[in-house]
Amino acid sequence: MAIISCPGCGKKVSDKAATCDHCGFMLGAHDSESLARKSRLQRSQQLSRLVSQQMLAILLFIAGIGAFFYDWGTTGMGPWIPYIGGVLAAISFIWYLITRGRIYILKKQR
């Protein structure tokens, strides 16, 4: 009896179980090759989502830096936009670092 990762939810289950206790995925209906293929597909999809999040964080960082350094004037919201841009740049940079860490961990789990 071995412990495997469920292709449906990624949690640990017995390889002898017919269904996953956590998500109800039918483990008994698939052979080991099919389960491995589904696991690789799920991992690939998760990596793709993380790369998309990373790109969005980079775009928001660039927009924040642009808003920080652009001359918005001294009327209305003009004086506040550089501060908002700086906060946006800081938050998106932290988001980028967290996402990079998650990508690193996912790739290391092979």
PDB file of N, CA and C in Angstrom:
ATOM      1  N   MET A   1       0.843  -1.171   0.000  1.00  0.00           N
ATOM      2  CA  MET A   1       0.000   0.000   0.000  1.00  0.00           C
ATOM      3  C   MET A   1       0.891   1.238   0.000  1.00  0.00           C
ATOM      4  N   ALA A   2       0.644   2.134  -0.947  1.00  0.00           N
ATOM      5  CA  ALA A   2       1.432   3.357  -1.069  1.00  0.00           C
ATOM      6  C   ALA A   2       0.511   4.567  -0.968  1.00  0.00           C
ATOM      7  N   ILE A   3       1.097   5.661  -0.603  1.00  0.00           N
ATOM      8  CA  ILE A   3       0.373   6.928  -0.538  1.00  0.00           C
ATOM      9  C   ILE A   3       0.691   7.703  -1.818  1.00  0.00           C
ATOM     10  N   ILE A   4      -0.360   8.142  -2.518  1.00  0.00           N
ATOM     11  CA  ILE A   4      -0.192   8.906  -3.747  1.00  0.00           C
ATOM     12  C   ILE A   4      -0.922  10.239  -3.610  1.00  0.00           C
ATOM     13  N   SER A   5      -0.635  11.142  -4.520  1.00  0.00           N
ATOM     14  CA  SER A   5      -1.357  12.415  -4.566  1.00  0.00           C
ATOM     15  C   SER A   5      -2.571  12.239  -5.462  1.00  0.00           C
ATOM     16  N   CYS A   6      -3.703  12.710  -5.015  1.00  0.00           N
ATOM     17  CA  CYS A   6      -4.928  12.638  -5.801  1.00  0.00           C
ATOM     18  C   CYS A   6      -4.811  13.591  -6.999  1.00  0.00           C
ATOM     19  N   PRO A   7      -5.095  13.124  -8.215  1.00  0.00           N
ATOM     20  CA  PRO A   7      -5.040  14.017  -9.376  1.00  0.00           C
ATOM     21  C   PRO A   7      -6.116  15.094  -9.341  1.00  0.00           C
ATOM     22  N   GLY A   8      -7.181  14.877  -8.601  1.00  0.00           N
ATOM     23  CA  GLY A   8      -8.266  15.846  -8.535  1.00  0.00           C
ATOM     24  C   GLY A   8      -7.978  17.013  -7.614  1.00  0.00           C
ATOM     25  N   CYS A   9      -7.460  16.728  -6.417  1.00  0.00           N
ATOM     26  CA  CYS A   9      -7.258  17.808  -5.441  1.00  0.00           C
ATOM     27  C   CYS A   9      -5.810  17.938  -4.983  1.00  0.00           C
ATOM     28  N   GLY A  10      -4.961  16.943  -5.252  1.00  0.00           N
ATOM     29  CA  GLY A  10      -3.559  17.019  -4.875  1.00  0.00           C
ATOM     30  C   GLY A  10      -3.252  16.556  -3.464  1.00  0.00           C
ATOM     31  N   LYS A  11      -4.269  16.140  -2.704  1.00  0.00           N
ATOM     32  CA  LYS A  11      -4.033  15.687  -1.334  1.00  0.00           C
ATOM     33  C   LYS A  11      -3.623  14.218  -1.335  1.00  0.00           C
ATOM     34  N   LYS A  12      -3.028  13.782  -0.257  1.00  0.00           N
ATOM     35  CA  LYS A  12      -2.507  12.420  -0.158  1.00  0.00           C
ATOM     36  C   LYS A  12      -3.624  11.422   0.145  1.00  0.00           C
ATOM     37  N   VAL A  13      -3.664  10.322  -0.637  1.00  0.00           N
ATOM     38  CA  VAL A  13      -4.621   9.239  -0.439  1.00  0.00           C
ATOM     39  C   VAL A  13      -3.911   7.912  -0.680  1.00  0.00           C
ATOM     40  N   SER A  14      -4.524   6.838  -0.259  1.00  0.00           N
ATOM     41  CA  SER A  14      -3.987   5.504  -0.487  1.00  0.00           C
ATOM     42  C   SER A  14      -4.189   5.111  -1.947  1.00  0.00           C
ATOM     43  N   ASP A  15      -3.230   4.366  -2.492  1.00  0.00           N
ATOM     44  CA  ASP A  15      -3.383   3.908  -3.872  1.00  0.00           C
ATOM     45  C   ASP A  15      -4.417   2.787  -3.991  1.00  0.00           C
ATOM     46  N   LYS A  16      -4.832   2.224  -2.888  1.00  0.00           N
ATOM     47  CA  LYS A  16      -5.845   1.168  -2.883  1.00  0.00           C
ATOM     48  C   LYS A  16      -7.262   1.708  -2.758  1.00  0.00           C
ATOM     49  N   ALA A  17      -7.417   2.993  -2.452  1.00  0.00           N
ATOM     50  CA  ALA A  17      -8.739   3.581  -2.274  1.00  0.00           C
ATOM     51  C   ALA A  17      -9.455   3.685  -3.620  1.00  0.00           C
ATOM     52  N   ALA A  18     -10.779   3.483  -3.600  1.00  0.00           N
ATOM     53  CA  ALA A  18     -11.568   3.581  -4.826  1.00  0.00           C
ATOM     54  C   ALA A  18     -11.844   5.039  -5.181  1.00  0.00           C
ATOM     55  N   THR A  19     -12.057   5.863  -4.163  1.00  0.00           N
ATOM     56  CA  THR A  19     -12.302   7.295  -4.384  1.00  0.00           C
ATOM     57  C   THR A  19     -11.463   8.103  -3.399  1.00  0.00           C
ATOM     58  N   CYS A  20     -11.221   9.339  -3.750  1.00  0.00           N
ATOM     59  CA  CYS A  20     -10.514  10.254  -2.861  1.00  0.00           C
ATOM     60  C   CYS A  20     -11.470  10.677  -1.745  1.00  0.00           C
ATOM     61  N   ASP A  21     -11.012  10.630  -0.514  1.00  0.00           N
ATOM     62  CA  ASP A  21     -11.836  11.034   0.628  1.00  0.00           C
ATOM     63  C   ASP A  21     -12.102  12.536   0.649  1.00  0.00           C
ATOM     64  N   HIS A  22     -11.224  13.315   0.011  1.00  0.00           N
ATOM     65  CA  HIS A  22     -11.321  14.771   0.078  1.00  0.00           C
ATOM     66  C   HIS A  22     -12.211  15.364  -1.015  1.00  0.00           C
ATOM     67  N   CYS A  23     -12.060  14.858  -2.259  1.00  0.00           N
ATOM     68  CA  CYS A  23     -12.791  15.482  -3.377  1.00  0.00           C
ATOM     69  C   CYS A  23     -13.717  14.513  -4.104  1.00  0.00           C
ATOM     70  N   GLY A  24     -13.629  13.224  -3.836  1.00  0.00           N
ATOM     71  CA  GLY A  24     -14.503  12.256  -4.482  1.00  0.00           C
ATOM     72  C   GLY A  24     -14.020  11.780  -5.842  1.00  0.00           C
ATOM     73  N   PHE A  25     -12.772  12.066  -6.208  1.00  0.00           N
ATOM     74  CA  PHE A  25     -12.217  11.631  -7.496  1.00  0.00           C
ATOM     75  C   PHE A  25     -12.171  10.115  -7.532  1.00  0.00           C
ATOM     76  N   MET A  26     -12.618   9.526  -8.644  1.00  0.00           N
ATOM     77  CA  MET A  26     -12.676   8.067  -8.782  1.00  0.00           C
ATOM     78  C   MET A  26     -11.288   7.513  -9.119  1.00  0.00           C
ATOM     79  N   LEU A  27     -10.547   7.097  -8.110  1.00  0.00           N
ATOM     80  CA  LEU A  27      -9.210   6.559  -8.319  1.00  0.00           C
ATOM     81  C   LEU A  27      -9.260   5.147  -8.895  1.00  0.00           C
ATOM     82  N   GLY A  28     -10.249   4.371  -8.511  1.00  0.00           N
ATOM     83  CA  GLY A  28     -10.340   2.991  -8.957  1.00  0.00           C
ATOM     84  C   GLY A  28     -10.663   2.853 -10.435  1.00  0.00           C
ATOM     85  N   ALA A  29     -11.212   3.873 -11.043  1.00  0.00           N
ATOM     86  CA  ALA A  29     -11.599   3.806 -12.448  1.00  0.00           C
ATOM     87  C   ALA A  29     -10.419   4.083 -13.382  1.00  0.00           C
ATOM     88  N   HIS A  30      -9.248   4.435 -12.837  1.00  0.00           N
ATOM     89  CA  HIS A  30      -8.101   4.787 -13.660  1.00  0.00           C
ATOM     90  C   HIS A  30      -6.926   3.888 -13.329  1.00  0.00           C
ATOM     91  N   ASP A  31      -6.118   3.588 -14.360  1.00  0.00           N
ATOM     92  CA  ASP A  31      -4.897   2.827 -14.118  1.00  0.00           C
ATOM     93  C   ASP A  31      -3.773   3.781 -13.711  1.00  0.00           C
ATOM     94  N   SER A  32      -2.611   3.241 -13.391  1.00  0.00           N
ATOM     95  CA  SER A  32      -1.525   4.074 -12.875  1.00  0.00           C
ATOM     96  C   SER A  32      -1.015   5.067 -13.929  1.00  0.00           C
ATOM     97  N   GLU A  33      -1.007   4.670 -15.203  1.00  0.00           N
ATOM     98  CA  GLU A  33      -0.564   5.585 -16.259  1.00  0.00           C
ATOM     99  C   GLU A  33      -1.517   6.764 -16.400  1.00  0.00           C
ATOM    100  N   SER A  34      -2.805   6.484 -16.325  1.00  0.00           N
ATOM    101  CA  SER A  34      -3.812   7.528 -16.431  1.00  0.00           C
ATOM    102  C   SER A  34      -3.715   8.494 -15.250  1.00  0.00           C
ATOM    103  N   LEU A  35      -3.504   7.959 -14.062  1.00  0.00           N
ATOM    104  CA  LEU A  35      -3.359   8.812 -12.880  1.00  0.00           C
ATOM    105  C   LEU A  35      -2.111   9.685 -12.970  1.00  0.00           C
ATOM    106  N   ALA A  36      -1.009   9.119 -13.476  1.00  0.00           N
ATOM    107  CA  ALA A  36       0.222   9.894 -13.623  1.00  0.00           C
ATOM    108  C   ALA A  36       0.035  11.000 -14.664  1.00  0.00           C
ATOM    109  N   ARG A  37      -0.676  10.683 -15.742  1.00  0.00           N
ATOM    110  CA  ARG A  37      -0.927  11.679 -16.785  1.00  0.00           C
ATOM    111  C   ARG A  37      -1.801  12.810 -16.246  1.00  0.00           C
ATOM    112  N   LYS A  38      -2.832  12.468 -15.484  1.00  0.00           N
ATOM    113  CA  LYS A  38      -3.695  13.493 -14.901  1.00  0.00           C
ATOM    114  C   LYS A  38      -2.928  14.350 -13.898  1.00  0.00           C
ATOM    115  N   SER A  39      -2.043  13.739 -13.140  1.00  0.00           N
ATOM    116  CA  SER A  39      -1.249  14.484 -12.176  1.00  0.00           C
ATOM    117  C   SER A  39      -0.314  15.457 -12.890  1.00  0.00           C
ATOM    118  N   ARG A  40       0.328  15.018 -13.974  1.00  0.00           N
ATOM    119  CA  ARG A  40       1.206  15.906 -14.749  1.00  0.00           C
ATOM    120  C   ARG A  40       0.413  17.051 -15.368  1.00  0.00           C
ATOM    121  N   LEU A  41      -0.793  16.754 -15.865  1.00  0.00           N
ATOM    122  CA  LEU A  41      -1.634  17.784 -16.461  1.00  0.00           C
ATOM    123  C   LEU A  41      -2.035  18.824 -15.419  1.00  0.00           C
ATOM    124  N   GLN A  42      -2.422  18.367 -14.233  1.00  0.00           N
ATOM    125  CA  GLN A  42      -2.811  19.295 -13.166  1.00  0.00           C
ATOM    126  C   GLN A  42      -1.623  20.168 -12.757  1.00  0.00           C
ATOM    127  N   ARG A  43      -0.451  19.573 -12.660  1.00  0.00           N
ATOM    128  CA  ARG A  43       0.750  20.320 -12.292  1.00  0.00           C
ATOM    129  C   ARG A  43       1.096  21.349 -13.367  1.00  0.00           C
ATOM    130  N   SER A  44       0.955  20.968 -14.619  1.00  0.00           N
ATOM    131  CA  SER A  44       1.217  21.883 -15.724  1.00  0.00           C
ATOM    132  C   SER A  44       0.230  23.054 -15.718  1.00  0.00           C
ATOM    133  N   GLN A  45      -1.027  22.787 -15.445  1.00  0.00           N
ATOM    134  CA  GLN A  45      -2.029  23.845 -15.386  1.00  0.00           C
ATOM    135  C   GLN A  45      -1.756  24.798 -14.223  1.00  0.00           C
ATOM    136  N   GLN A  46      -1.344  24.255 -13.092  1.00  0.00           N
ATOM    137  CA  GLN A  46      -1.027  25.095 -11.944  1.00  0.00           C
ATOM    138  C   GLN A  46       0.187  25.980 -12.245  1.00  0.00           C
ATOM    139  N   LEU A  47       1.194  25.426 -12.914  1.00  0.00           N
ATOM    140  CA  LEU A  47       2.357  26.202 -13.288  1.00  0.00           C
ATOM    141  C   LEU A  47       1.974  27.317 -14.259  1.00  0.00           C
ATOM    142  N   SER A  48       1.092  27.021 -15.188  1.00  0.00           N
ATOM    143  CA  SER A  48       0.628  28.025 -16.140  1.00  0.00           C
ATOM    144  C   SER A  48      -0.112  29.164 -15.431  1.00  0.00           C
ATOM    145  N   ARG A  49      -0.953  28.832 -14.454  1.00  0.00           N
ATOM    146  CA  ARG A  49      -1.654  29.871 -13.687  1.00  0.00           C
ATOM    147  C   ARG A  49      -0.675  30.746 -12.910  1.00  0.00           C
ATOM    148  N   LEU A  50       0.347  30.129 -12.329  1.00  0.00           N
ATOM    149  CA  LEU A  50       1.328  30.899 -11.564  1.00  0.00           C
ATOM    150  C   LEU A  50       2.147  31.828 -12.468  1.00  0.00           C
ATOM    151  N   VAL A  51       2.486  31.358 -13.668  1.00  0.00           N
ATOM    152  CA  VAL A  51       3.227  32.210 -14.597  1.00  0.00           C
ATOM    153  C   VAL A  51       2.358  33.391 -15.026  1.00  0.00           C
ATOM    154  N   SER A  52       1.060  33.154 -15.233  1.00  0.00           N
ATOM    155  CA  SER A  52       0.143  34.245 -15.583  1.00  0.00           C
ATOM    156  C   SER A  52       0.052  35.263 -14.454  1.00  0.00           C
ATOM    157  N   GLN A  53      -0.016  34.794 -13.218  1.00  0.00           N
ATOM    158  CA  GLN A  53      -0.040  35.703 -12.071  1.00  0.00           C
ATOM    159  C   GLN A  53       1.256  36.499 -11.982  1.00  0.00           C
ATOM    160  N   GLN A  54       2.362  35.853 -12.284  1.00  0.00           N
ATOM    161  CA  GLN A  54       3.655  36.522 -12.248  1.00  0.00           C
ATOM    162  C   GLN A  54       3.702  37.646 -13.289  1.00  0.00           C
ATOM    163  N   MET A  55       3.204  37.383 -14.480  1.00  0.00           N
ATOM    164  CA  MET A  55       3.197  38.408 -15.524  1.00  0.00           C
ATOM    165  C   MET A  55       2.294  39.582 -15.144  1.00  0.00           C
ATOM    166  N   LEU A  56       1.149  39.296 -14.538  1.00  0.00           N
ATOM    167  CA  LEU A  56       0.252  40.354 -14.091  1.00  0.00           C
ATOM    168  C   LEU A  56       0.919  41.209 -13.014  1.00  0.00           C
ATOM    169  N   ALA A  57       1.646  40.571 -12.114  1.00  0.00           N
ATOM    170  CA  ALA A  57       2.363  41.312 -11.070  1.00  0.00           C
ATOM    171  C   ALA A  57       3.422  42.215 -11.690  1.00  0.00           C
ATOM    172  N   ILE A  58       4.110  41.746 -12.722  1.00  0.00           N
ATOM    173  CA  ILE A  58       5.123  42.572 -13.387  1.00  0.00           C
ATOM    174  C   ILE A  58       4.465  43.777 -14.053  1.00  0.00           C
ATOM    175  N   LEU A  59       3.328  43.551 -14.738  1.00  0.00           N
ATOM    176  CA  LEU A  59       2.630  44.658 -15.392  1.00  0.00           C
ATOM    177  C   LEU A  59       2.145  45.705 -14.384  1.00  0.00           C
ATOM    178  N   LEU A  60       1.609  45.250 -13.255  1.00  0.00           N
ATOM    179  CA  LEU A  60       1.167  46.187 -12.229  1.00  0.00           C
ATOM    180  C   LEU A  60       2.345  46.945 -11.614  1.00  0.00           C
ATOM    181  N   PHE A  61       3.470  46.277 -11.478  1.00  0.00           N
ATOM    182  CA  PHE A  61       4.671  46.934 -10.964  1.00  0.00           C
ATOM    183  C   PHE A  61       5.105  48.058 -11.910  1.00  0.00           C
ATOM    184  N   ILE A  62       5.124  47.758 -13.209  1.00  0.00           N
ATOM    185  CA  ILE A  62       5.517  48.775 -14.194  1.00  0.00           C
ATOM    186  C   ILE A  62       4.529  49.942 -14.184  1.00  0.00           C
ATOM    187  N   ALA A  63       3.228  49.643 -14.091  1.00  0.00           N
ATOM    188  CA  ALA A  63       2.224  50.712 -14.030  1.00  0.00           C
ATOM    189  C   ALA A  63       2.395  51.555 -12.768  1.00  0.00           C
ATOM    190  N   GLY A  64       2.699  50.917 -11.647  1.00  0.00           N
ATOM    191  CA  GLY A  64       2.925  51.649 -10.401  1.00  0.00           C
ATOM    192  C   GLY A  64       4.140  52.549 -10.476  1.00  0.00           C
ATOM    193  N   ILE A  65       5.211  52.056 -11.062  1.00  0.00           N
ATOM    194  CA  ILE A  65       6.419  52.875 -11.223  1.00  0.00           C
ATOM    195  C   ILE A  65       6.134  54.044 -12.156  1.00  0.00           C
ATOM    196  N   GLY A  66       5.396  53.779 -13.242  1.00  0.00           N
ATOM    197  CA  GLY A  66       5.037  54.853 -14.164  1.00  0.00           C
ATOM    198  C   GLY A  66       4.196  55.917 -13.498  1.00  0.00           C
ATOM    199  N   ALA A  67       3.218  55.486 -12.690  1.00  0.00           N
ATOM    200  CA  ALA A  67       2.369  56.445 -11.985  1.00  0.00           C
ATOM    201  C   ALA A  67       3.161  57.222 -10.934  1.00  0.00           C
ATOM    202  N   PHE A  68       4.161  56.577 -10.359  1.00  0.00           N
ATOM    203  CA  PHE A  68       4.971  57.234  -9.327  1.00  0.00           C
ATOM    204  C   PHE A  68       5.811  58.373  -9.921  1.00  0.00           C
ATOM    205  N   PHE A  69       6.368  58.173 -11.108  1.00  0.00           N
ATOM    206  CA  PHE A  69       7.287  59.150 -11.669  1.00  0.00           C
ATOM    207  C   PHE A  69       6.635  60.143 -12.641  1.00  0.00           C
ATOM    208  N   TYR A  70       5.394  59.925 -13.029  1.00  0.00           N
ATOM    209  CA  TYR A  70       4.733  60.829 -13.963  1.00  0.00           C
ATOM    210  C   TYR A  70       4.280  62.092 -13.237  1.00  0.00           C
ATOM    211  N   ASP A  71       4.331  63.233 -13.902  1.00  0.00           N
ATOM    212  CA  ASP A  71       3.900  64.504 -13.307  1.00  0.00           C
ATOM    213  C   ASP A  71       2.392  64.649 -13.502  1.00  0.00           C
ATOM    214  N   TRP A  72       1.625  64.456 -12.441  1.00  0.00           N
ATOM    215  CA  TRP A  72       0.167  64.476 -12.514  1.00  0.00           C
ATOM    216  C   TRP A  72      -0.420  65.860 -12.262  1.00  0.00           C
ATOM    217  N   GLY A  73       0.362  66.817 -11.899  1.00  0.00           N
ATOM    218  CA  GLY A  73      -0.149  68.155 -11.617  1.00  0.00           C
ATOM    219  C   GLY A  73      -0.446  68.315 -10.133  1.00  0.00           C
ATOM    220  N   THR A  74      -0.988  69.492  -9.790  1.00  0.00           N
ATOM    221  CA  THR A  74      -1.216  69.800  -8.376  1.00  0.00           C
ATOM    222  C   THR A  74      -2.685  69.993  -8.042  1.00  0.00           C
ATOM    223  N   THR A  75      -3.590  69.656  -8.960  1.00  0.00           N
ATOM    224  CA  THR A  75      -5.023  69.827  -8.679  1.00  0.00           C
ATOM    225  C   THR A  75      -5.711  68.476  -8.611  1.00  0.00           C
ATOM    226  N   GLY A  76      -6.790  68.433  -7.876  1.00  0.00           N
ATOM    227  CA  GLY A  76      -7.589  67.211  -7.768  1.00  0.00           C
ATOM    228  C   GLY A  76      -6.818  66.070  -7.111  1.00  0.00           C
ATOM    229  N   MET A  77      -6.835  64.928  -7.768  1.00  0.00           N
ATOM    230  CA  MET A  77      -6.136  63.737  -7.254  1.00  0.00           C
ATOM    231  C   MET A  77      -4.661  63.721  -7.618  1.00  0.00           C
ATOM    232  N   GLY A  78      -4.190  64.709  -8.374  1.00  0.00           N
ATOM    233  CA  GLY A  78      -2.814  64.749  -8.850  1.00  0.00           C
ATOM    234  C   GLY A  78      -1.750  64.517  -7.797  1.00  0.00           C
ATOM    235  N   PRO A  79      -1.812  65.187  -6.651  1.00  0.00           N
ATOM    236  CA  PRO A  79      -0.758  64.987  -5.650  1.00  0.00           C
ATOM    237  C   PRO A  79      -0.762  63.592  -5.022  1.00  0.00           C
ATOM    238  N   TRP A  80      -1.881  62.898  -5.054  1.00  0.00           N
ATOM    239  CA  TRP A  80      -1.982  61.593  -4.403  1.00  0.00           C
ATOM    240  C   TRP A  80      -1.590  60.429  -5.309  1.00  0.00           C
ATOM    241  N   ILE A  81      -1.641  60.608  -6.609  1.00  0.00           N
ATOM    242  CA  ILE A  81      -1.391  59.502  -7.527  1.00  0.00           C
ATOM    243  C   ILE A  81       0.030  58.940  -7.410  1.00  0.00           C
ATOM    244  N   PRO A  82       1.077  59.743  -7.220  1.00  0.00           N
ATOM    245  CA  PRO A  82       2.398  59.133  -7.029  1.00  0.00           C
ATOM    246  C   PRO A  82       2.470  58.219  -5.803  1.00  0.00           C
ATOM    247  N   TYR A  83       1.774  58.574  -4.732  1.00  0.00           N
ATOM    248  CA  TYR A  83       1.752  57.702  -3.547  1.00  0.00           C
ATOM    249  C   TYR A  83       1.015  56.405  -3.836  1.00  0.00           C
ATOM    250  N   ILE A  84      -0.101  56.533  -4.540  1.00  0.00           N
ATOM    251  CA  ILE A  84      -0.862  55.337  -4.920  1.00  0.00           C
ATOM    252  C   ILE A  84      -0.024  54.455  -5.834  1.00  0.00           C
ATOM    253  N   GLY A  85       0.704  55.078  -6.770  1.00  0.00           N
ATOM    254  CA  GLY A  85       1.586  54.319  -7.658  1.00  0.00           C
ATOM    255  C   GLY A  85       2.696  53.615  -6.904  1.00  0.00           C
ATOM    256  N   GLY A  86       3.255  54.278  -5.902  1.00  0.00           N
ATOM    257  CA  GLY A  86       4.299  53.651  -5.090  1.00  0.00           C
ATOM    258  C   GLY A  86       3.785  52.460  -4.304  1.00  0.00           C
ATOM    259  N   VAL A  87       2.593  52.606  -3.743  1.00  0.00           N
ATOM    260  CA  VAL A  87       1.985  51.488  -3.001  1.00  0.00           C
ATOM    261  C   VAL A  87       1.681  50.335  -3.954  1.00  0.00           C
ATOM    262  N   LEU A  88       1.142  50.650  -5.138  1.00  0.00           N
ATOM    263  CA  LEU A  88       0.855  49.613  -6.133  1.00  0.00           C
ATOM    264  C   LEU A  88       2.128  48.892  -6.554  1.00  0.00           C
ATOM    265  N   ALA A  89       3.205  49.638  -6.758  1.00  0.00           N
ATOM    266  CA  ALA A  89       4.475  49.025  -7.138  1.00  0.00           C
ATOM    267  C   ALA A  89       4.999  48.120  -6.022  1.00  0.00           C
ATOM    268  N   ALA A  90       4.894  48.561  -4.776  1.00  0.00           N
ATOM    269  CA  ALA A  90       5.386  47.750  -3.656  1.00  0.00           C
ATOM    270  C   ALA A  90       4.575  46.468  -3.498  1.00  0.00           C
ATOM    271  N   ILE A  91       3.244  46.581  -3.568  1.00  0.00           N
ATOM    272  CA  ILE A  91       2.392  45.404  -3.414  1.00  0.00           C
ATOM    273  C   ILE A  91       2.622  44.417  -4.557  1.00  0.00           C
ATOM    274  N   SER A  92       2.722  44.921  -5.781  1.00  0.00           N
ATOM    275  CA  SER A  92       2.912  44.017  -6.910  1.00  0.00           C
ATOM    276  C   SER A  92       4.296  43.371  -6.878  1.00  0.00           C
ATOM    277  N   PHE A  93       5.309  44.079  -6.358  1.00  0.00           N
ATOM    278  CA  PHE A  93       6.632  43.470  -6.231  1.00  0.00           C
ATOM    279  C   PHE A  93       6.613  42.335  -5.208  1.00  0.00           C
ATOM    280  N   ILE A  94       5.923  42.540  -4.099  1.00  0.00           N
ATOM    281  CA  ILE A  94       5.793  41.472  -3.094  1.00  0.00           C
ATOM    282  C   ILE A  94       5.019  40.291  -3.674  1.00  0.00           C
ATOM    283  N   TRP A  95       3.958  40.581  -4.433  1.00  0.00           N
ATOM    284  CA  TRP A  95       3.177  39.531  -5.082  1.00  0.00           C
ATOM    285  C   TRP A  95       4.059  38.745  -6.061  1.00  0.00           C
ATOM    286  N   TYR A  96       4.896  39.450  -6.807  1.00  0.00           N
ATOM    287  CA  TYR A  96       5.815  38.798  -7.743  1.00  0.00           C
ATOM    288  C   TYR A  96       6.762  37.860  -7.004  1.00  0.00           C
ATOM    289  N   LEU A  97       7.342  38.333  -5.891  1.00  0.00           N
ATOM    290  CA  LEU A  97       8.277  37.491  -5.138  1.00  0.00           C
ATOM    291  C   LEU A  97       7.600  36.242  -4.582  1.00  0.00           C
ATOM    292  N   ILE A  98       6.394  36.387  -4.064  1.00  0.00           N
ATOM    293  CA  ILE A  98       5.654  35.236  -3.536  1.00  0.00           C
ATOM    294  C   ILE A  98       5.350  34.241  -4.647  1.00  0.00           C
ATOM    295  N   THR A  99       4.931  34.750  -5.802  1.00  0.00           N
ATOM    296  CA  THR A  99       4.621  33.873  -6.928  1.00  0.00           C
ATOM    297  C   THR A  99       5.866  33.160  -7.425  1.00  0.00           C
ATOM    298  N   ARG A 100       7.007  33.858  -7.477  1.00  0.00           N
ATOM    299  CA  ARG A 100       8.262  33.203  -7.866  1.00  0.00           C
ATOM    300  C   ARG A 100       8.610  32.081  -6.900  1.00  0.00           C
ATOM    301  N   GLY A 101       8.399  32.321  -5.607  1.00  0.00           N
ATOM    302  CA  GLY A 101       8.651  31.278  -4.619  1.00  0.00           C
ATOM    303  C   GLY A 101       7.743  30.078  -4.823  1.00  0.00           C
ATOM    304  N   ARG A 102       6.473  30.329  -5.129  1.00  0.00           N
ATOM    305  CA  ARG A 102       5.543  29.224  -5.373  1.00  0.00           C
ATOM    306  C   ARG A 102       5.930  28.435  -6.620  1.00  0.00           C
ATOM    307  N   ILE A 103       6.407  29.132  -7.662  1.00  0.00           N
ATOM    308  CA  ILE A 103       6.865  28.440  -8.874  1.00  0.00           C
ATOM    309  C   ILE A 103       8.088  27.584  -8.557  1.00  0.00           C
ATOM    310  N   TYR A 104       9.012  28.133  -7.787  1.00  0.00           N
ATOM    311  CA  TYR A 104      10.212  27.389  -7.402  1.00  0.00           C
ATOM    312  C   TYR A 104       9.843  26.126  -6.632  1.00  0.00           C
ATOM    313  N   ILE A 105       8.942  26.244  -5.681  1.00  0.00           N
ATOM    314  CA  ILE A 105       8.528  25.082  -4.889  1.00  0.00           C
ATOM    315  C   ILE A 105       7.836  24.055  -5.765  1.00  0.00           C
ATOM    316  N   LEU A 106       6.974  24.500  -6.683  1.00  0.00           N
ATOM    317  CA  LEU A 106       6.278  23.570  -7.562  1.00  0.00           C
ATOM    318  C   LEU A 106       7.244  22.829  -8.466  1.00  0.00           C
ATOM    319  N   LYS A 107       8.234  23.516  -8.998  1.00  0.00           N
ATOM    320  CA  LYS A 107       9.204  22.861  -9.865  1.00  0.00           C
ATOM    321  C   LYS A 107      10.119  21.917  -9.092  1.00  0.00           C
ATOM    322  N   LYS A 108      10.375  22.226  -7.835  1.00  0.00           N
ATOM    323  CA  LYS A 108      11.262  21.387  -7.020  1.00  0.00           C
ATOM    324  C   LYS A 108      10.567  20.105  -6.548  1.00  0.00           C
ATOM    325  N   GLN A 109       9.256  20.047  -6.585  1.00  0.00           N
ATOM    326  CA  GLN A 109       8.515  18.893  -6.069  1.00  0.00           C
ATOM    327  C   GLN A 109       8.560  17.669  -6.976  1.00  0.00           C
ATOM    328  N   ARG A 110       9.258  17.709  -8.063  1.00  0.00           N
ATOM    329  CA  ARG A 110       9.324  16.569  -8.992  1.00  0.00           C
ATOM    330  C   ARG A 110       9.707  15.338  -8.325  1.00  0.00           C
TER     331      ARG A 110
END
